[in-house]
Amino acid sequence: VQLQASGGGLVQAGGSLSLSCAASGSIESANDMGWYRQAPGKERELVAVITSGGSTKYADSVKGRFTISRDNTKLTVDLQMNSLKPEDTATYYCNVEGNGRGFYGVDFWGTGTLVTVSS
């Protein structure tokens, strides 16, 4: 199973970026899909998660600014980030709890995409 993330980059404070992550390989469906981030010198933290039924959960620091969505047919998860702040600077990782032939509920991680917000 591979998770390919895209959409990171450099943006000024107040700007927007959209991240996308596509799962491929032997995965057939996904339970929770989410985005995490890790800033230099800090631990990885949850940004947002969306269940297979569409329920969402956000970190307090991004509520009202970020929106997570998914496509269950394409097995993609997107993160729309608005009103970005310098403290949003981090490497963002997508995470998928996937199911396939021979496995259920296995965590898969993308390689990370860097988001840099300048002040």
PDB file of N, CA and C in Angstrom:
ATOM      1  N   VAL A   1       0.851  -1.175   0.000  1.00  0.00           N
ATOM      2  CA  VAL A   1       0.000   0.000   0.000  1.00  0.00           C
ATOM      3  C   VAL A   1       0.892   1.231   0.000  1.00  0.00           C
ATOM      4  N   GLN A   2       0.574   2.171  -0.863  1.00  0.00           N
ATOM      5  CA  GLN A   2       1.337   3.413  -0.916  1.00  0.00           C
ATOM      6  C   GLN A   2       0.376   4.586  -0.719  1.00  0.00           C
ATOM      7  N   LEU A   3       0.867   5.582   0.003  1.00  0.00           N
ATOM      8  CA  LEU A   3       0.128   6.824   0.173  1.00  0.00           C
ATOM      9  C   LEU A   3       0.948   7.938  -0.453  1.00  0.00           C
ATOM     10  N   GLN A   4       0.397   8.565  -1.469  1.00  0.00           N
ATOM     11  CA  GLN A   4       1.100   9.631  -2.166  1.00  0.00           C
ATOM     12  C   GLN A   4       0.454  10.959  -1.825  1.00  0.00           C
ATOM     13  N   ALA A   5       1.218  11.802  -1.130  1.00  0.00           N
ATOM     14  CA  ALA A   5       0.714  13.113  -0.736  1.00  0.00           C
ATOM     15  C   ALA A   5       1.267  14.181  -1.663  1.00  0.00           C
ATOM     16  N   SER A   6       0.485  15.217  -1.863  1.00  0.00           N
ATOM     17  CA  SER A   6       0.909  16.332  -2.695  1.00  0.00           C
ATOM     18  C   SER A   6       0.261  17.606  -2.202  1.00  0.00           C
ATOM     19  N   GLY A   7       0.808  18.750  -2.641  1.00  0.00           N
ATOM     20  CA  GLY A   7       0.181  20.028  -2.363  1.00  0.00           C
ATOM     21  C   GLY A   7       0.908  20.922  -1.388  1.00  0.00           C
ATOM     22  N   GLY A   8       1.963  20.457  -0.773  1.00  0.00           N
ATOM     23  CA  GLY A   8       2.695  21.312   0.152  1.00  0.00           C
ATOM     24  C   GLY A   8       3.416  22.430  -0.588  1.00  0.00           C
ATOM     25  N   GLY A   9       3.984  23.346   0.187  1.00  0.00           N
ATOM     26  CA  GLY A   9       4.724  24.435  -0.427  1.00  0.00           C
ATOM     27  C   GLY A   9       4.890  25.604   0.513  1.00  0.00           C
ATOM     28  N   LEU A  10       5.267  26.722  -0.063  1.00  0.00           N
ATOM     29  CA  LEU A  10       5.505  27.962   0.688  1.00  0.00           C
ATOM     30  C   LEU A  10       4.356  28.926   0.434  1.00  0.00           C
ATOM     31  N   VAL A  11       3.834  29.492   1.507  1.00  0.00           N
ATOM     32  CA  VAL A  11       2.730  30.448   1.383  1.00  0.00           C
ATOM     33  C   VAL A  11       2.892  31.510   2.451  1.00  0.00           C
ATOM     34  N   GLN A  12       2.396  32.701   2.170  1.00  0.00           N
ATOM     35  CA  GLN A  12       2.430  33.768   3.163  1.00  0.00           C
ATOM     36  C   GLN A  12       1.315  33.586   4.178  1.00  0.00           C
ATOM     37  N   ALA A  13       1.529  34.130   5.356  1.00  0.00           N
ATOM     38  CA  ALA A  13       0.502  34.081   6.391  1.00  0.00           C
ATOM     39  C   ALA A  13      -0.797  34.660   5.857  1.00  0.00           C
ATOM     40  N   GLY A  14      -1.874  33.984   6.181  1.00  0.00           N
ATOM     41  CA  GLY A  14      -3.181  34.387   5.688  1.00  0.00           C
ATOM     42  C   GLY A  14      -3.585  33.706   4.404  1.00  0.00           C
ATOM     43  N   GLY A  15      -2.654  33.038   3.785  1.00  0.00           N
ATOM     44  CA  GLY A  15      -2.925  32.361   2.531  1.00  0.00           C
ATOM     45  C   GLY A  15      -3.529  30.989   2.715  1.00  0.00           C
ATOM     46  N   SER A  16      -3.687  30.280   1.604  1.00  0.00           N
ATOM     47  CA  SER A  16      -4.310  28.966   1.611  1.00  0.00           C
ATOM     48  C   SER A  16      -3.463  27.947   0.856  1.00  0.00           C
ATOM     49  N   LEU A  17      -3.584  26.718   1.257  1.00  0.00           N
ATOM     50  CA  LEU A  17      -2.984  25.591   0.569  1.00  0.00           C
ATOM     51  C   LEU A  17      -3.941  24.416   0.670  1.00  0.00           C
ATOM     52  N   SER A  18      -3.845  23.530  -0.313  1.00  0.00           N
ATOM     53  CA  SER A  18      -4.651  22.322  -0.282  1.00  0.00           C
ATOM     54  C   SER A  18      -3.734  21.120  -0.404  1.00  0.00           C
ATOM     55  N   LEU A  19      -3.885  20.173   0.504  1.00  0.00           N
ATOM     56  CA  LEU A  19      -3.126  18.931   0.471  1.00  0.00           C
ATOM     57  C   LEU A  19      -4.032  17.803   0.005  1.00  0.00           C
ATOM     58  N   SER A  20      -3.440  16.868  -0.718  1.00  0.00           N
ATOM     59  CA  SER A  20      -4.190  15.713  -1.167  1.00  0.00           C
ATOM     60  C   SER A  20      -3.347  14.460  -0.961  1.00  0.00           C
ATOM     61  N   CYS A  21      -4.016  13.366  -0.640  1.00  0.00           N
ATOM     62  CA  CYS A  21      -3.322  12.098  -0.421  1.00  0.00           C
ATOM     63  C   CYS A  21      -4.140  10.988  -1.060  1.00  0.00           C
ATOM     64  N   ALA A  22      -3.477  10.172  -1.871  1.00  0.00           N
ATOM     65  CA  ALA A  22      -4.147   9.070  -2.549  1.00  0.00           C
ATOM     66  C   ALA A  22      -3.531   7.748  -2.132  1.00  0.00           C
ATOM     67  N   ALA A  23      -4.382   6.808  -1.762  1.00  0.00           N
ATOM     68  CA  ALA A  23      -3.932   5.473  -1.387  1.00  0.00           C
ATOM     69  C   ALA A  23      -4.027   4.550  -2.596  1.00  0.00           C
ATOM     70  N   SER A  24      -3.026   3.707  -2.751  1.00  0.00           N
ATOM     71  CA  SER A  24      -3.030   2.762  -3.863  1.00  0.00           C
ATOM     72  C   SER A  24      -2.384   1.461  -3.425  1.00  0.00           C
ATOM     73  N   GLY A  25      -2.482   0.481  -4.285  1.00  0.00           N
ATOM     74  CA  GLY A  25      -1.928  -0.826  -3.971  1.00  0.00           C
ATOM     75  C   GLY A  25      -3.029  -1.786  -3.575  1.00  0.00           C
ATOM     76  N   SER A  26      -2.760  -2.598  -2.571  1.00  0.00           N
ATOM     77  CA  SER A  26      -3.689  -3.662  -2.200  1.00  0.00           C
ATOM     78  C   SER A  26      -4.814  -3.201  -1.278  1.00  0.00           C
ATOM     79  N   ILE A  27      -4.859  -1.922  -0.956  1.00  0.00           N
ATOM     80  CA  ILE A  27      -5.924  -1.418  -0.100  1.00  0.00           C
ATOM     81  C   ILE A  27      -7.244  -1.399  -0.864  1.00  0.00           C
ATOM     82  N   GLU A  28      -8.312  -1.820  -0.201  1.00  0.00           N
ATOM     83  CA  GLU A  28      -9.626  -1.887  -0.838  1.00  0.00           C
ATOM     84  C   GLU A  28     -10.612  -0.897  -0.231  1.00  0.00           C
ATOM     85  N   SER A  29     -10.417  -0.552   1.026  1.00  0.00           N
ATOM     86  CA  SER A  29     -11.284   0.422   1.672  1.00  0.00           C
ATOM     87  C   SER A  29     -10.530   1.020   2.860  1.00  0.00           C
ATOM     88  N   ALA A  30     -11.093   2.059   3.424  1.00  0.00           N
ATOM     89  CA  ALA A  30     -10.426   2.715   4.544  1.00  0.00           C
ATOM     90  C   ALA A  30     -11.418   3.028   5.651  1.00  0.00           C
ATOM     91  N   ASN A  31     -10.965   2.905   6.854  1.00  0.00           N
ATOM     92  CA  ASN A  31     -11.741   3.358   8.005  1.00  0.00           C
ATOM     93  C   ASN A  31     -11.446   4.842   8.194  1.00  0.00           C
ATOM     94  N   ASP A  32     -10.746   5.205   9.261  1.00  0.00           N
ATOM     95  CA  ASP A  32     -10.376   6.603   9.446  1.00  0.00           C
ATOM     96  C   ASP A  32      -9.273   6.999   8.460  1.00  0.00           C
ATOM     97  N   MET A  33      -9.368   8.245   8.004  1.00  0.00           N
ATOM     98  CA  MET A  33      -8.313   8.836   7.182  1.00  0.00           C
ATOM     99  C   MET A  33      -7.993  10.191   7.793  1.00  0.00           C
ATOM    100  N   GLY A  34      -6.730  10.540   7.857  1.00  0.00           N
ATOM    101  CA  GLY A  34      -6.420  11.781   8.537  1.00  0.00           C
ATOM    102  C   GLY A  34      -5.114  12.410   8.120  1.00  0.00           C
ATOM    103  N   TRP A  35      -4.884  13.547   8.708  1.00  0.00           N
ATOM    104  CA  TRP A  35      -3.642  14.292   8.505  1.00  0.00           C
ATOM    105  C   TRP A  35      -3.023  14.595   9.858  1.00  0.00           C
ATOM    106  N   TYR A  36      -1.734  14.405   9.929  1.00  0.00           N
ATOM    107  CA  TYR A  36      -0.944  14.735  11.098  1.00  0.00           C
ATOM    108  C   TYR A  36       0.144  15.700  10.646  1.00  0.00           C
ATOM    109  N   ARG A  37       0.772  16.352  11.612  1.00  0.00           N
ATOM    110  CA  ARG A  37       1.890  17.217  11.250  1.00  0.00           C
ATOM    111  C   ARG A  37       2.961  17.163  12.330  1.00  0.00           C
ATOM    112  N   GLN A  38       4.160  17.461  11.899  1.00  0.00           N
ATOM    113  CA  GLN A  38       5.283  17.490  12.831  1.00  0.00           C
ATOM    114  C   GLN A  38       6.165  18.673  12.501  1.00  0.00           C
ATOM    115  N   ALA A  39       6.250  19.581  13.459  1.00  0.00           N
ATOM    116  CA  ALA A  39       7.113  20.741  13.319  1.00  0.00           C
ATOM    117  C   ALA A  39       8.491  20.393  13.861  1.00  0.00           C
ATOM    118  N   PRO A  40       9.520  21.093  13.413  1.00  0.00           N
ATOM    119  CA  PRO A  40      10.872  20.807  13.898  1.00  0.00           C
ATOM    120  C   PRO A  40      10.951  20.873  15.425  1.00  0.00           C
ATOM    121  N   GLY A  41      11.505  19.844  16.008  1.00  0.00           N
ATOM    122  CA  GLY A  41      11.668  19.813  17.449  1.00  0.00           C
ATOM    123  C   GLY A  41      10.429  19.472  18.241  1.00  0.00           C
ATOM    124  N   LYS A  42       9.348  19.152  17.538  1.00  0.00           N
ATOM    125  CA  LYS A  42       8.092  18.836  18.224  1.00  0.00           C
ATOM    126  C   LYS A  42       7.623  17.435  17.840  1.00  0.00           C
ATOM    127  N   GLU A  43       6.698  16.929  18.643  1.00  0.00           N
ATOM    128  CA  GLU A  43       6.135  15.618  18.350  1.00  0.00           C
ATOM    129  C   GLU A  43       5.059  15.732  17.258  1.00  0.00           C
ATOM    130  N   ARG A  44       4.844  14.603  16.599  1.00  0.00           N
ATOM    131  CA  ARG A  44       3.787  14.559  15.594  1.00  0.00           C
ATOM    132  C   ARG A  44       2.438  14.714  16.280  1.00  0.00           C
ATOM    133  N   GLU A  45       1.569  15.529  15.686  1.00  0.00           N
ATOM    134  CA  GLU A  45       0.261  15.772  16.284  1.00  0.00           C
ATOM    135  C   GLU A  45      -0.839  15.601  15.250  1.00  0.00           C
ATOM    136  N   LEU A  46      -2.003  15.245  15.750  1.00  0.00           N
ATOM    137  CA  LEU A  46      -3.172  15.108  14.879  1.00  0.00           C
ATOM    138  C   LEU A  46      -3.627  16.486  14.420  1.00  0.00           C
ATOM    139  N   VAL A  47      -3.907  16.610  13.130  1.00  0.00           N
ATOM    140  CA  VAL A  47      -4.482  17.836  12.599  1.00  0.00           C
ATOM    141  C   VAL A  47      -5.984  17.656  12.394  1.00  0.00           C
ATOM    142  N   ALA A  48      -6.340  16.600  11.676  1.00  0.00           N
ATOM    143  CA  ALA A  48      -7.750  16.346  11.398  1.00  0.00           C
ATOM    144  C   ALA A  48      -7.917  14.894  10.992  1.00  0.00           C
ATOM    145  N   VAL A  49      -9.085  14.352  11.297  1.00  0.00           N
ATOM    146  CA  VAL A  49      -9.402  12.979  10.926  1.00  0.00           C
ATOM    147  C   VAL A  49     -10.842  12.917  10.459  1.00  0.00           C
ATOM    148  N   ILE A  50     -11.110  12.019   9.516  1.00  0.00           N
ATOM    149  CA  ILE A  50     -12.459  11.834   9.014  1.00  0.00           C
ATOM    150  C   ILE A  50     -12.752  10.348   8.951  1.00  0.00           C
ATOM    151  N   THR A  51     -13.910   9.959   9.471  1.00  0.00           N
ATOM    152  CA  THR A  51     -14.287   8.552   9.488  1.00  0.00           C
ATOM    153  C   THR A  51     -14.879   8.147   8.133  1.00  0.00           C
ATOM    154  N   SER A  52     -15.093   6.866   7.958  1.00  0.00           N
ATOM    155  CA  SER A  52     -15.682   6.384   6.715  1.00  0.00           C
ATOM    156  C   SER A  52     -17.097   6.922   6.523  1.00  0.00           C
ATOM    157  N   GLY A  53     -17.741   7.271   7.606  1.00  0.00           N
ATOM    158  CA  GLY A  53     -19.076   7.820   7.534  1.00  0.00           C
ATOM    159  C   GLY A  53     -19.126   9.330   7.359  1.00  0.00           C
ATOM    160  N   GLY A  54     -17.956   9.961   7.399  1.00  0.00           N
ATOM    161  CA  GLY A  54     -17.884  11.398   7.174  1.00  0.00           C
ATOM    162  C   GLY A  54     -17.799  12.257   8.413  1.00  0.00           C
ATOM    163  N   SER A  55     -17.760  11.655   9.584  1.00  0.00           N
ATOM    164  CA  SER A  55     -17.580  12.446  10.803  1.00  0.00           C
ATOM    165  C   SER A  55     -16.159  12.955  10.867  1.00  0.00           C
ATOM    166  N   THR A  56     -16.011  14.180  11.370  1.00  0.00           N
ATOM    167  CA  THR A  56     -14.690  14.804  11.397  1.00  0.00           C
ATOM    168  C   THR A  56     -14.306  15.235  12.801  1.00  0.00           C
ATOM    169  N   LYS A  57     -13.004  15.334  12.994  1.00  0.00           N
ATOM    170  CA  LYS A  57     -12.452  15.838  14.252  1.00  0.00           C
ATOM    171  C   LYS A  57     -11.231  16.665  13.895  1.00  0.00           C
ATOM    172  N   TYR A  58     -11.104  17.811  14.548  1.00  0.00           N
ATOM    173  CA  TYR A  58     -10.003  18.714  14.270  1.00  0.00           C
ATOM    174  C   TYR A  58      -9.244  19.067  15.546  1.00  0.00           C
ATOM    175  N   ALA A  59      -7.966  19.337  15.384  1.00  0.00           N
ATOM    176  CA  ALA A  59      -7.206  19.915  16.481  1.00  0.00           C
ATOM    177  C   ALA A  59      -7.770  21.307  16.760  1.00  0.00           C
ATOM    178  N   ASP A  60      -7.773  21.700  18.012  1.00  0.00           N
ATOM    179  CA  ASP A  60      -8.321  23.014  18.369  1.00  0.00           C
ATOM    180  C   ASP A  60      -7.625  24.139  17.598  1.00  0.00           C
ATOM    181  N   SER A  61      -6.340  23.960  17.345  1.00  0.00           N
ATOM    182  CA  SER A  61      -5.559  25.017  16.715  1.00  0.00           C
ATOM    183  C   SER A  61      -5.941  25.269  15.255  1.00  0.00           C
ATOM    184  N   VAL A  62      -6.666  24.325  14.631  1.00  0.00           N
ATOM    185  CA  VAL A  62      -7.009  24.496  13.219  1.00  0.00           C
ATOM    186  C   VAL A  62      -8.511  24.591  12.978  1.00  0.00           C
ATOM    187  N   LYS A  63      -9.302  24.448  14.016  1.00  0.00           N
ATOM    188  CA  LYS A  63     -10.760  24.515  13.859  1.00  0.00           C
ATOM    189  C   LYS A  63     -11.165  25.845  13.227  1.00  0.00           C
ATOM    190  N   GLY A  64     -12.053  25.729  12.256  1.00  0.00           N
ATOM    191  CA  GLY A  64     -12.538  26.928  11.585  1.00  0.00           C
ATOM    192  C   GLY A  64     -11.648  27.398  10.452  1.00  0.00           C
ATOM    193  N   ARG A  65     -10.451  26.822  10.343  1.00  0.00           N
ATOM    194  CA  ARG A  65      -9.530  27.227   9.276  1.00  0.00           C
ATOM    195  C   ARG A  65      -9.256  26.089   8.288  1.00  0.00           C
ATOM    196  N   PHE A  66      -9.218  24.864   8.786  1.00  0.00           N
ATOM    197  CA  PHE A  66      -8.914  23.703   7.956  1.00  0.00           C
ATOM    198  C   PHE A  66     -10.181  22.871   7.758  1.00  0.00           C
ATOM    199  N   THR A  67     -10.262  22.244   6.590  1.00  0.00           N
ATOM    200  CA  THR A  67     -11.375  21.347   6.300  1.00  0.00           C
ATOM    201  C   THR A  67     -10.846  20.062   5.680  1.00  0.00           C
ATOM    202  N   ILE A  68     -11.228  18.946   6.278  1.00  0.00           N
ATOM    203  CA  ILE A  68     -10.823  17.643   5.763  1.00  0.00           C
ATOM    204  C   ILE A  68     -11.985  17.016   5.002  1.00  0.00           C
ATOM    205  N   SER A  69     -11.653  16.323   3.908  1.00  0.00           N
ATOM    206  CA  SER A  69     -12.676  15.637   3.129  1.00  0.00           C
ATOM    207  C   SER A  69     -12.071  14.371   2.540  1.00  0.00           C
ATOM    208  N   ARG A  70     -12.916  13.484   2.063  1.00  0.00           N
ATOM    209  CA  ARG A  70     -12.420  12.223   1.512  1.00  0.00           C
ATOM    210  C   ARG A  70     -13.325  11.759   0.386  1.00  0.00           C
ATOM    211  N   ASP A  71     -12.756  10.903  -0.433  1.00  0.00           N
ATOM    212  CA  ASP A  71     -13.507  10.245  -1.497  1.00  0.00           C
ATOM    213  C   ASP A  71     -13.325   8.749  -1.285  1.00  0.00           C
ATOM    214  N   ASN A  72     -14.378   8.078  -0.864  1.00  0.00           N
ATOM    215  CA  ASN A  72     -14.278   6.663  -0.525  1.00  0.00           C
ATOM    216  C   ASN A  72     -14.068   5.787  -1.760  1.00  0.00           C
ATOM    217  N   THR A  73     -14.475   6.249  -2.925  1.00  0.00           N
ATOM    218  CA  THR A  73     -14.280   5.469  -4.143  1.00  0.00           C
ATOM    219  C   THR A  73     -12.831   5.554  -4.614  1.00  0.00           C
ATOM    220  N   LYS A  74     -12.286   6.760  -4.569  1.00  0.00           N
ATOM    221  CA  LYS A  74     -10.915   6.973  -5.036  1.00  0.00           C
ATOM    222  C   LYS A  74      -9.883   6.738  -3.937  1.00  0.00           C
ATOM    223  N   LEU A  75     -10.361   6.585  -2.689  1.00  0.00           N
ATOM    224  CA  LEU A  75      -9.465   6.428  -1.531  1.00  0.00           C
ATOM    225  C   LEU A  75      -8.489   7.593  -1.447  1.00  0.00           C
ATOM    226  N   THR A  76      -9.049   8.778  -1.468  1.00  0.00           N
ATOM    227  CA  THR A  76      -8.250   9.983  -1.299  1.00  0.00           C
ATOM    228  C   THR A  76      -8.743  10.756  -0.082  1.00  0.00           C
ATOM    229  N   VAL A  77      -7.841  11.488   0.525  1.00  0.00           N
ATOM    230  CA  VAL A  77      -8.182  12.372   1.628  1.00  0.00           C
ATOM    231  C   VAL A  77      -7.502  13.709   1.383  1.00  0.00           C
ATOM    232  N   ASP A  78      -8.283  14.765   1.494  1.00  0.00           N
ATOM    233  CA  ASP A  78      -7.798  16.104   1.211  1.00  0.00           C
ATOM    234  C   ASP A  78      -7.861  16.981   2.452  1.00  0.00           C
ATOM    235  N   LEU A  79      -7.013  17.985   2.494  1.00  0.00           N
ATOM    236  CA  LEU A  79      -7.026  18.949   3.595  1.00  0.00           C
ATOM    237  C   LEU A  79      -6.933  20.346   2.997  1.00  0.00           C
ATOM    238  N   GLN A  80      -8.002  21.099   3.121  1.00  0.00           N
ATOM    239  CA  GLN A  80      -8.013  22.490   2.687  1.00  0.00           C
ATOM    240  C   GLN A  80      -7.611  23.355   3.868  1.00  0.00           C
ATOM    241  N   MET A  81      -6.552  24.120   3.695  1.00  0.00           N
ATOM    242  CA  MET A  81      -6.014  24.930   4.780  1.00  0.00           C
ATOM    243  C   MET A  81      -6.137  26.407   4.409  1.00  0.00           C
ATOM    244  N   ASN A  82      -6.915  27.136   5.179  1.00  0.00           N
ATOM    245  CA  ASN A  82      -7.116  28.567   4.950  1.00  0.00           C
ATOM    246  C   ASN A  82      -6.580  29.361   6.135  1.00  0.00           C
ATOM    247  N   SER A  83      -6.403  30.639   5.916  1.00  0.00           N
ATOM    248  CA  SER A  83      -5.931  31.535   6.980  1.00  0.00           C
ATOM    249  C   SER A  83      -4.702  30.956   7.677  1.00  0.00           C
ATOM    250  N   LEU A  84      -3.758  30.531   6.886  1.00  0.00           N
ATOM    251  CA  LEU A  84      -2.574  29.868   7.444  1.00  0.00           C
ATOM    252  C   LEU A  84      -1.748  30.828   8.290  1.00  0.00           C
ATOM    253  N   LYS A  85      -1.146  30.257   9.322  1.00  0.00           N
ATOM    254  CA  LYS A  85      -0.322  31.004  10.270  1.00  0.00           C
ATOM    255  C   LYS A  85       1.089  30.419  10.267  1.00  0.00           C
ATOM    256  N   PRO A  86       2.069  31.204  10.661  1.00  0.00           N
ATOM    257  CA  PRO A  86       3.433  30.662  10.719  1.00  0.00           C
ATOM    258  C   PRO A  86       3.544  29.408  11.576  1.00  0.00           C
ATOM    259  N   GLU A  87       2.725  29.328  12.614  1.00  0.00           N
ATOM    260  CA  GLU A  87       2.776  28.149  13.481  1.00  0.00           C
ATOM    261  C   GLU A  87       2.195  26.897  12.832  1.00  0.00           C
ATOM    262  N   ASP A  88       1.623  27.029  11.644  1.00  0.00           N
ATOM    263  CA  ASP A  88       1.176  25.863  10.882  1.00  0.00           C
ATOM    264  C   ASP A  88       2.327  25.220  10.111  1.00  0.00           C
ATOM    265  N   THR A  89       3.483  25.866  10.118  1.00  0.00           N
ATOM    266  CA  THR A  89       4.637  25.324   9.419  1.00  0.00           C
ATOM    267  C   THR A  89       5.028  23.972   9.995  1.00  0.00           C
ATOM    268  N   ALA A  90       5.095  22.972   9.139  1.00  0.00           N
ATOM    269  CA  ALA A  90       5.391  21.616   9.572  1.00  0.00           C
ATOM    270  C   ALA A  90       5.433  20.696   8.357  1.00  0.00           C
ATOM    271  N   THR A  91       5.887  19.490   8.590  1.00  0.00           N
ATOM    272  CA  THR A  91       5.723  18.440   7.593  1.00  0.00           C
ATOM    273  C   THR A  91       4.406  17.742   7.885  1.00  0.00           C
ATOM    274  N   TYR A  92       3.574  17.652   6.882  1.00  0.00           N
ATOM    275  CA  TYR A  92       2.245  17.073   7.032  1.00  0.00           C
ATOM    276  C   TYR A  92       2.242  15.644   6.481  1.00  0.00           C
ATOM    277  N   TYR A  93       1.672  14.742   7.256  1.00  0.00           N
ATOM    278  CA  TYR A  93       1.623  13.330   6.892  1.00  0.00           C
ATOM    279  C   TYR A  93       0.171  12.875   6.801  1.00  0.00           C
ATOM    280  N   CYS A  94      -0.156  12.163   5.743  1.00  0.00           N
ATOM    281  CA  CYS A  94      -1.486  11.557   5.707  1.00  0.00           C
ATOM    282  C   CYS A  94      -1.411  10.168   6.338  1.00  0.00           C
ATOM    283  N   ASN A  95      -2.516   9.782   6.904  1.00  0.00           N
ATOM    284  CA  ASN A  95      -2.622   8.506   7.592  1.00  0.00           C
ATOM    285  C   ASN A  95      -3.922   7.842   7.181  1.00  0.00           C
ATOM    286  N   VAL A  96      -3.851   6.579   6.865  1.00  0.00           N
ATOM    287  CA  VAL A  96      -5.038   5.834   6.457  1.00  0.00           C
ATOM    288  C   VAL A  96      -5.083   4.523   7.218  1.00  0.00           C
ATOM    289  N   GLU A  97      -6.222   4.260   7.823  1.00  0.00           N
ATOM    290  CA  GLU A  97      -6.446   2.950   8.439  1.00  0.00           C
ATOM    291  C   GLU A  97      -7.129   2.105   7.378  1.00  0.00           C
ATOM    292  N   GLY A  98      -6.389   1.213   6.772  1.00  0.00           N
ATOM    293  CA  GLY A  98      -6.867   0.540   5.578  1.00  0.00           C
ATOM    294  C   GLY A  98      -7.227  -0.910   5.750  1.00  0.00           C
ATOM    295  N   ASN A  99      -8.041  -1.372   4.807  1.00  0.00           N
ATOM    296  CA  ASN A  99      -8.489  -2.761   4.769  1.00  0.00           C
ATOM    297  C   ASN A  99      -8.236  -3.326   3.373  1.00  0.00           C
ATOM    298  N   GLY A 100      -7.872  -4.590   3.348  1.00  0.00           N
ATOM    299  CA  GLY A 100      -7.690  -5.248   2.071  1.00  0.00           C
ATOM    300  C   GLY A 100      -7.733  -6.743   2.249  1.00  0.00           C
ATOM    301  N   ARG A 101      -7.369  -7.454   1.220  1.00  0.00           N
ATOM    302  CA  ARG A 101      -7.367  -8.909   1.318  1.00  0.00           C
ATOM    303  C   ARG A 101      -6.264  -9.332   2.271  1.00  0.00           C
ATOM    304  N   GLY A 102      -6.660  -9.895   3.387  1.00  0.00           N
ATOM    305  CA  GLY A 102      -5.672 -10.368   4.348  1.00  0.00           C
ATOM    306  C   GLY A 102      -5.326  -9.398   5.453  1.00  0.00           C
ATOM    307  N   PHE A 103      -5.894  -8.202   5.420  1.00  0.00           N
ATOM    308  CA  PHE A 103      -5.618  -7.280   6.509  1.00  0.00           C
ATOM    309  C   PHE A 103      -6.813  -6.368   6.749  1.00  0.00           C
ATOM    310  N   TYR A 104      -6.921  -5.925   7.993  1.00  0.00           N
ATOM    311  CA  TYR A 104      -8.018  -5.043   8.397  1.00  0.00           C
ATOM    312  C   TYR A 104      -7.510  -4.063   9.430  1.00  0.00           C
ATOM    313  N   GLY A 105      -7.820  -2.795   9.234  1.00  0.00           N
ATOM    314  CA  GLY A 105      -7.487  -1.789  10.230  1.00  0.00           C
ATOM    315  C   GLY A 105      -6.002  -1.542  10.397  1.00  0.00           C
ATOM    316  N   VAL A 106      -5.243  -1.667   9.329  1.00  0.00           N
ATOM    317  CA  VAL A 106      -3.802  -1.440   9.392  1.00  0.00           C
ATOM    318  C   VAL A 106      -3.494   0.022   9.094  1.00  0.00           C
ATOM    319  N   ASP A 107      -2.635   0.602   9.911  1.00  0.00           N
ATOM    320  CA  ASP A 107      -2.246   2.009   9.730  1.00  0.00           C
ATOM    321  C   ASP A 107      -1.181   2.142   8.644  1.00  0.00           C
ATOM    322  N   PHE A 108      -1.438   3.029   7.710  1.00  0.00           N
ATOM    323  CA  PHE A 108      -0.446   3.348   6.685  1.00  0.00           C
ATOM    324  C   PHE A 108      -0.156   4.848   6.729  1.00  0.00           C
ATOM    325  N   TRP A 109       1.105   5.183   6.451  1.00  0.00           N
ATOM    326  CA  TRP A 109       1.534   6.585   6.494  1.00  0.00           C
ATOM    327  C   TRP A 109       2.124   7.016   5.164  1.00  0.00           C
ATOM    328  N   GLY A 110       1.832   8.251   4.784  1.00  0.00           N
ATOM    329  CA  GLY A 110       2.481   8.851   3.637  1.00  0.00           C
ATOM    330  C   GLY A 110       3.862   9.340   4.023  1.00  0.00           C
ATOM    331  N   THR A 111       4.632   9.744   3.052  1.00  0.00           N
ATOM    332  CA  THR A 111       6.011  10.155   3.290  1.00  0.00           C
ATOM    333  C   THR A 111       6.125  11.592   3.793  1.00  0.00           C
ATOM    334  N   GLY A 112       5.081  12.351   3.740  1.00  0.00           N
ATOM    335  CA  GLY A 112       5.135  13.718   4.267  1.00  0.00           C
ATOM    336  C   GLY A 112       5.311  14.758   3.188  1.00  0.00           C
ATOM    337  N   THR A 113       4.646  15.871   3.398  1.00  0.00           N
ATOM    338  CA  THR A 113       4.786  17.009   2.491  1.00  0.00           C
ATOM    339  C   THR A 113       4.973  18.262   3.343  1.00  0.00           C
ATOM    340  N   LEU A 114       5.948  19.085   2.970  1.00  0.00           N
ATOM    341  CA  LEU A 114       6.320  20.236   3.787  1.00  0.00           C
ATOM    342  C   LEU A 114       5.446  21.436   3.479  1.00  0.00           C
ATOM    343  N   VAL A 115       4.926  22.030   4.527  1.00  0.00           N
ATOM    344  CA  VAL A 115       4.169  23.279   4.432  1.00  0.00           C
ATOM    345  C   VAL A 115       4.931  24.339   5.209  1.00  0.00           C
ATOM    346  N   THR A 116       5.254  25.426   4.542  1.00  0.00           N
ATOM    347  CA  THR A 116       5.970  26.519   5.177  1.00  0.00           C
ATOM    348  C   THR A 116       5.156  27.795   5.036  1.00  0.00           C
ATOM    349  N   VAL A 117       4.863  28.413   6.173  1.00  0.00           N
ATOM    350  CA  VAL A 117       4.072  29.641   6.182  1.00  0.00           C
ATOM    351  C   VAL A 117       4.969  30.777   6.655  1.00  0.00           C
ATOM    352  N   SER A 118       5.179  31.739   5.796  1.00  0.00           N
ATOM    353  CA  SER A 118       6.040  32.864   6.140  1.00  0.00           C
ATOM    354  C   SER A 118       5.221  34.004   6.741  1.00  0.00           C
ATOM    355  N   SER A 119       5.853  34.727   7.651  1.00  0.00           N
ATOM    356  CA  SER A 119       5.146  35.835   8.331  1.00  0.00           C
ATOM    357  C   SER A 119       5.289  37.128   7.568  1.00  0.00           C
TER     358      SER A 119
END
